[in-house]
Amino acid sequence: MSDVRQHAEEIREQFSEHLDLTAEEIEDRLDNLVNEYRVPLEEARRSVVSHYLDEAGLERDDIRSGGGGSEQVNVEDVNEDEQWLSLTAKVVDLWDPRSDAVGQVGLLGDETGTIKFTKWADSDLQELEEGKVYHLGNLVSDEYQGDYSVKLNRTTTIEESDEDIEVGDDTAEVEGALVDIQSGSGLIKRCPEEDCTRVLQNGRCSEHGEVEGEFDLRIKGVVDDGTEVHQVIFDKEATEELTGIGLQEAQDMAMDALDTTVVAEEMREETLGLYYRVAGPTMGRYLLVDEMEELDGPTNTEDVLIKARSM
């Protein structure tokens, strides 16, 4: 079975309770996007799914992910976007929602760390209580600047548990040279749709299509501690602290040059080869920087820069 056909079969299964679709018609849509318009297969799948969501009057969280069930994982294993999973976790903290669409928001934790959760107001799910442990099934993962979270939706199952969990500490600290600033850094645009923070690629959100994005700053960097390399993400505030370049200044630079890539290049000039101590929570393979300090490093950084250019 071809990859396109496999995706078509999975999409048909996703909508089997909502729409009368055949794998052939779905395959035709996918094939048109992939072969006529040269859209990558994963993006084509998201576009087709969005089309059928609109046709059925559904939200993305109302359907099951194709290609498998809801896998039981630990918090530290949540490292993919739009992954369907199950967790057994304690409610560590609850916050006041900033949107009427959100019923509850807070922090879940297990022995491997903590993760943010969001429960939609229209999900008709029971309220979670701080300090209690729950078996949570059919959660959907989400990603923002390498920071993963989970969403409770209409299909989520909640079962209270009598067990207790000692929540682990998922913070880390790294000292070393910043040897690379990766693509997707500098001045970026994010999807403006409510509760969507995906970075746009060529003006397109992978879920909402072509949108007028909102500017943001970030750095996806690599820090070498002399033994191994660590992937780190600086959000807007951390990026401004690291580089001294604010969002408005970055927008002005890009406007003057008619090119957003000049911002990342300027950041590379200012920071590559310098030594830092960075600390923050770890999410998947990333360390999310919320504390940093510039350190005294070797006076000759040429070796470091050579290594950075080779990455």
Protein backbone atom coordinates (compact mmCIF):
# COMPACT_ATOMS: atom_id res chain seq x y z
CA MET A 1 0.00 0.00 0.00
CA SER A 2 1.37 3.42 -0.97
CA ASP A 3 1.97 6.13 1.64
CA VAL A 4 -0.83 8.26 0.13
CA ARG A 5 -3.25 5.32 0.25
CA GLN A 6 -2.27 4.56 3.85
CA HIS A 7 -2.97 8.15 4.90
CA ALA A 8 -6.29 8.06 3.02
CA GLU A 9 -7.35 4.92 4.88
CA GLU A 10 -6.44 6.48 8.23
CA ILE A 11 -8.35 9.69 7.47
CA ARG A 12 -11.41 7.67 6.41
CA GLU A 13 -11.25 5.84 9.76
CA GLN A 14 -10.94 9.13 11.64
CA PHE A 15 -14.17 10.44 10.13
CA SER A 16 -16.04 7.12 9.94
CA GLU A 17 -18.52 8.20 12.64
CA HIS A 18 -19.09 11.64 11.15
CA LEU A 19 -18.92 11.53 7.33
CA ASP A 20 -19.64 8.97 4.62
CA LEU A 21 -16.25 9.00 2.88
CA THR A 22 -14.39 6.54 0.73
CA ALA A 23 -10.65 6.01 0.79
CA GLU A 24 -10.59 6.63 -2.98
CA GLU A 25 -11.98 10.18 -2.79
CA ILE A 26 -9.64 11.03 0.07
CA GLU A 27 -6.72 9.58 -1.86
CA ASP A 28 -7.63 11.77 -4.85
CA ARG A 29 -7.48 14.89 -2.67
CA LEU A 30 -4.15 13.90 -1.17
CA ASP A 31 -2.70 12.91 -4.55
CA ASN A 32 -3.71 16.25 -6.07
CA LEU A 33 -1.96 18.21 -3.33
CA VAL A 34 1.15 16.04 -3.28
CA ASN A 35 1.70 15.48 -7.01
CA GLU A 36 0.09 18.52 -8.63
CA TYR A 37 0.97 21.21 -6.08
CA ARG A 38 4.07 19.57 -4.56
CA VAL A 39 2.76 19.87 -1.01
CA PRO A 40 4.64 17.63 1.48
CA LEU A 41 2.54 14.60 2.38
CA GLU A 42 2.17 15.43 6.08
CA GLU A 43 1.06 18.98 5.29
CA ALA A 44 -1.31 17.65 2.62
CA ARG A 45 -2.83 15.32 5.19
CA ARG A 46 -3.40 18.17 7.63
CA SER A 47 -5.01 20.23 4.87
CA VAL A 48 -7.37 17.41 3.90
CA VAL A 49 -8.26 16.73 7.53
CA SER A 50 -9.02 20.44 8.02
CA HIS A 51 -11.32 20.33 4.97
CA TYR A 52 -13.32 17.44 6.38
CA LEU A 53 -13.42 19.01 9.85
CA ASP A 54 -15.07 22.07 8.30
CA GLU A 55 -17.47 19.87 6.32
CA ALA A 56 -18.48 17.95 9.44
CA GLY A 57 -18.61 21.02 11.70
CA LEU A 58 -16.05 19.49 14.05
CA GLU A 59 -12.98 20.63 15.94
CA ARG A 60 -9.69 18.79 15.54
CA ASP A 61 -9.92 17.48 19.10
CA ASP A 62 -13.27 15.83 18.28
CA ILE A 63 -11.65 13.11 16.18
CA ARG A 64 -9.13 10.45 16.99
CA SER A 65 -5.65 10.54 15.53
CA GLY A 66 -5.14 8.06 12.72
CA GLY A 67 -2.61 5.27 12.80
CA GLY A 68 -2.97 3.93 16.30
CA GLY A 69 -4.53 4.18 19.70
CA SER A 70 -3.90 6.24 22.77
CA GLU A 71 -0.51 5.09 24.07
CA GLN A 72 0.25 5.16 27.82
CA VAL A 73 3.35 7.31 28.31
CA ASN A 74 5.25 9.25 30.95
CA VAL A 75 5.44 13.04 30.94
CA GLU A 76 9.04 12.97 29.69
CA ASP A 77 7.91 10.98 26.64
CA VAL A 78 5.61 13.74 25.33
CA ASN A 79 7.85 15.02 22.55
CA GLU A 80 5.68 15.08 19.42
CA ASP A 81 2.97 17.47 18.26
CA GLU A 82 -0.58 16.09 17.81
CA GLN A 83 0.28 12.82 19.55
CA TRP A 84 -2.65 10.90 21.09
CA LEU A 85 -1.66 9.50 24.46
CA SER A 86 -2.65 8.57 28.00
CA LEU A 87 -1.06 9.75 31.25
CA THR A 88 -1.30 8.84 34.90
CA ALA A 89 -0.41 12.08 36.64
CA LYS A 90 -1.01 14.34 39.64
CA VAL A 91 -2.55 17.79 39.30
CA VAL A 92 0.33 19.90 40.59
CA ASP A 93 -1.14 23.36 40.07
CA LEU A 94 -4.23 25.08 38.63
CA TRP A 95 -4.28 28.56 37.08
CA ASP A 96 -7.01 31.01 36.12
CA PRO A 97 -7.90 30.53 32.42
CA ARG A 98 -7.32 33.57 30.22
CA SER A 99 -9.96 32.57 27.69
CA ASP A 100 -13.64 31.67 27.99
CA ALA A 101 -12.94 28.71 25.72
CA VAL A 102 -10.72 27.15 28.40
CA GLY A 103 -12.38 25.35 31.32
CA GLN A 104 -9.22 24.53 33.28
CA VAL A 105 -5.51 25.04 32.82
CA GLY A 106 -2.65 23.94 35.01
CA LEU A 107 0.24 21.58 35.53
CA LEU A 108 0.29 17.78 35.57
CA GLY A 109 3.22 15.80 36.96
CA ASP A 110 4.60 12.28 37.34
CA GLU A 111 7.94 10.81 38.40
CA THR A 112 9.57 12.05 35.19
CA GLY A 113 8.55 15.72 35.30
CA THR A 114 5.71 18.14 34.71
CA ILE A 115 3.65 19.31 31.74
CA LYS A 116 1.01 21.96 31.15
CA PHE A 117 -2.56 20.82 30.46
CA THR A 118 -5.60 22.57 29.02
CA LYS A 119 -9.21 21.37 29.35
CA TRP A 120 -11.69 22.96 26.97
CA ALA A 121 -14.82 24.56 28.45
CA ASP A 122 -17.13 22.72 26.05
CA SER A 123 -15.60 19.29 26.66
CA ASP A 124 -18.21 18.37 29.32
CA LEU A 125 -15.50 16.75 31.45
CA GLN A 126 -15.36 16.67 35.24
CA GLU A 127 -13.27 19.22 37.10
CA LEU A 128 -9.76 18.12 38.06
CA GLU A 129 -8.72 18.83 41.64
CA GLU A 130 -5.29 20.02 42.70
CA GLY A 131 -3.26 17.33 44.49
CA LYS A 132 -5.25 14.40 43.11
CA VAL A 133 -3.97 11.70 40.75
CA TYR A 134 -5.89 10.74 37.61
CA HIS A 135 -5.67 8.20 34.80
CA LEU A 136 -6.22 10.37 31.71
CA GLY A 137 -6.91 8.75 28.35
CA ASN A 138 -7.13 10.23 24.83
CA LEU A 139 -5.13 13.38 25.44
CA VAL A 140 -3.67 15.33 22.51
CA SER A 141 -0.19 16.84 22.68
CA ASP A 142 0.65 20.35 21.49
CA GLU A 143 3.94 22.19 21.01
CA TYR A 144 5.04 25.81 21.44
CA GLN A 145 8.71 26.77 21.13
CA GLY A 146 9.69 23.23 22.02
CA ASP A 147 7.46 23.34 25.10
CA TYR A 148 4.98 20.47 24.97
CA SER A 149 1.56 20.47 26.59
CA VAL A 150 -1.51 18.23 26.53
CA LYS A 151 -5.15 19.01 25.83
CA LEU A 152 -8.21 17.32 27.30
CA ASN A 153 -11.02 17.08 24.75
CA ARG A 154 -14.48 15.54 24.34
CA THR A 155 -13.02 12.06 23.86
CA THR A 156 -10.77 12.23 26.94
CA THR A 157 -11.47 9.77 29.74
CA ILE A 158 -10.82 10.70 33.39
CA GLU A 159 -10.51 8.17 36.20
CA GLU A 160 -9.49 9.25 39.69
CA SER A 161 -6.79 7.13 41.33
CA ASP A 162 -6.07 6.40 44.99
CA GLU A 163 -2.34 6.20 44.37
CA ASP A 164 0.06 9.04 45.09
CA ILE A 165 2.84 10.23 42.82
CA GLU A 166 6.09 11.91 43.81
CA VAL A 167 6.49 14.43 41.04
CA GLY A 168 9.99 14.56 39.57
CA ASP A 169 12.11 17.62 38.84
CA ASP A 170 12.62 18.13 35.10
CA THR A 171 14.85 21.22 35.27
CA ALA A 172 18.40 21.16 33.93
CA GLU A 173 21.43 23.44 33.78
CA VAL A 174 24.08 23.56 31.07
CA GLU A 175 27.33 25.51 30.80
CA GLY A 176 29.10 25.80 27.48
CA ALA A 177 29.62 27.63 24.23
CA LEU A 178 26.73 28.59 21.98
CA VAL A 179 27.96 26.89 18.81
CA ASP A 180 24.93 27.10 16.53
CA ILE A 181 21.75 29.07 15.95
CA GLN A 182 19.49 26.88 13.86
CA SER A 183 16.99 27.66 11.13
CA GLY A 184 13.65 28.88 12.42
CA SER A 185 15.41 31.37 14.71
CA GLY A 186 15.28 35.16 14.79
CA LEU A 187 12.17 37.04 13.67
CA ILE A 188 9.37 34.56 13.05
CA LYS A 189 5.61 34.67 12.55
CA ARG A 190 3.07 32.62 14.47
CA CYS A 191 -0.49 31.66 13.67
CA PRO A 192 -2.90 34.22 15.22
CA GLU A 193 -5.79 31.76 15.63
CA GLU A 194 -6.97 31.26 19.22
CA ASP A 195 -4.93 28.62 21.08
CA CYS A 196 -2.67 28.07 18.06
CA THR A 197 0.94 29.23 18.29
CA ARG A 198 2.46 27.29 15.41
CA VAL A 199 5.27 28.94 13.48
CA LEU A 200 4.23 29.80 9.91
CA GLN A 201 6.08 28.32 6.97
CA ASN A 202 5.86 30.51 3.88
CA GLY A 203 2.83 32.26 5.38
CA ARG A 204 0.98 29.02 6.10
CA CYS A 205 -0.05 27.40 9.36
CA SER A 206 -0.01 23.61 9.16
CA GLU A 207 -3.51 23.56 10.69
CA HIS A 208 -5.21 26.79 9.60
CA GLY A 209 -3.68 27.35 6.16
CA GLU A 210 -2.73 30.84 4.93
CA VAL A 211 -3.07 33.40 7.74
CA GLU A 212 -1.76 36.86 8.60
CA GLY A 213 0.84 35.92 11.20
CA GLU A 214 1.97 37.73 14.33
CA PHE A 215 5.65 38.53 14.80
CA ASP A 216 7.64 36.85 17.57
CA LEU A 217 11.27 36.22 18.50
CA ARG A 218 13.00 32.98 19.35
CA ILE A 219 16.35 31.24 19.13
CA LYS A 220 16.79 27.52 18.60
CA GLY A 221 20.39 27.05 19.65
CA VAL A 222 23.01 24.42 20.38
CA VAL A 223 25.24 24.66 23.46
CA ASP A 224 28.40 22.55 23.61
CA ASP A 225 29.57 21.78 27.17
CA GLY A 226 32.79 20.15 25.95
CA THR A 227 31.41 16.63 26.24
CA GLU A 228 28.08 16.74 24.43
CA VAL A 229 25.80 19.21 22.71
CA HIS A 230 22.44 20.36 24.06
CA GLN A 231 19.55 21.80 22.06
CA VAL A 232 18.11 24.88 23.77
CA ILE A 233 15.24 27.23 23.00
CA PHE A 234 15.12 30.89 23.99
CA ASP A 235 11.61 32.40 23.93
CA LYS A 236 10.97 36.07 23.15
CA GLU A 237 12.02 37.38 26.56
CA ALA A 238 15.10 35.15 26.76
CA THR A 239 16.08 36.02 23.18
CA GLU A 240 15.86 39.75 23.94
CA GLU A 241 18.00 39.25 27.05
CA LEU A 242 20.56 37.15 25.16
CA THR A 243 20.93 39.38 22.10
CA GLY A 244 19.83 42.83 23.24
CA ILE A 245 17.52 42.94 20.20
CA GLY A 246 13.85 43.69 20.94
CA LEU A 247 10.88 42.71 18.83
CA GLN A 248 10.29 46.19 17.38
CA GLU A 249 13.99 46.59 16.56
CA ALA A 250 13.97 43.21 14.84
CA GLN A 251 10.94 44.21 12.77
CA ASP A 252 12.64 47.48 11.79
CA MET A 253 15.79 45.59 10.75
CA ALA A 254 13.77 43.21 8.60
CA MET A 255 11.79 46.09 7.05
CA ASP A 256 14.95 48.02 6.15
CA ALA A 257 16.51 44.96 4.53
CA LEU A 258 13.24 43.59 3.11
CA ASP A 259 14.45 40.29 4.53
CA THR A 260 13.65 38.68 7.90
CA THR A 261 16.77 36.49 7.82
CA VAL A 262 18.99 39.47 8.64
CA VAL A 263 17.73 39.30 12.23
CA ALA A 264 19.01 35.77 12.80
CA GLU A 265 22.31 36.69 11.13
CA GLU A 266 22.74 39.65 13.47
CA MET A 267 21.98 37.41 16.44
CA ARG A 268 24.61 34.94 15.27
CA GLU A 269 27.19 37.71 15.06
CA GLU A 270 26.39 38.83 18.58
CA THR A 271 26.30 35.46 20.37
CA LEU A 272 28.05 32.60 18.57
CA GLY A 273 31.20 31.42 20.31
CA LEU A 274 30.33 33.02 23.64
CA TYR A 275 29.94 30.97 26.80
CA TYR A 276 26.75 30.81 28.83
CA ARG A 277 25.14 29.10 31.75
CA VAL A 278 21.52 28.34 30.88
CA ALA A 279 18.86 26.66 33.00
CA GLY A 280 15.20 25.73 32.67
CA PRO A 281 12.77 22.85 32.23
CA THR A 282 13.44 20.14 29.70
CA MET A 283 10.77 19.18 27.19
CA GLY A 284 11.68 16.28 24.98
CA ARG A 285 15.12 16.97 23.53
CA TYR A 286 15.01 20.69 24.32
CA LEU A 287 16.05 22.73 27.33
CA LEU A 288 13.73 25.76 27.58
CA VAL A 289 15.80 28.65 28.83
CA ASP A 290 14.33 30.75 31.63
CA GLU A 291 17.63 31.66 33.34
CA MET A 292 20.93 32.57 31.72
CA GLU A 293 24.30 34.08 32.53
CA GLU A 294 27.17 34.95 30.23
CA LEU A 295 30.44 33.35 31.35
CA ASP A 296 34.08 34.06 30.74
CA GLY A 297 35.22 31.69 28.01
CA PRO A 298 38.46 31.14 26.11
CA THR A 299 39.87 34.35 24.68
CA ASN A 300 40.33 32.62 21.31
CA THR A 301 36.90 31.47 20.11
CA GLU A 302 38.02 30.57 16.56
CA ASP A 303 37.84 26.82 17.21
CA VAL A 304 34.33 27.20 18.53
CA LEU A 305 33.22 29.23 15.52
CA ILE A 306 34.74 26.70 13.14
CA LYS A 307 32.73 24.01 14.87
CA ALA A 308 29.59 26.15 14.70
CA ARG A 309 29.96 26.71 10.95
CA SER A 310 30.34 22.97 10.38
CA MET A 311 27.05 22.08 12.09
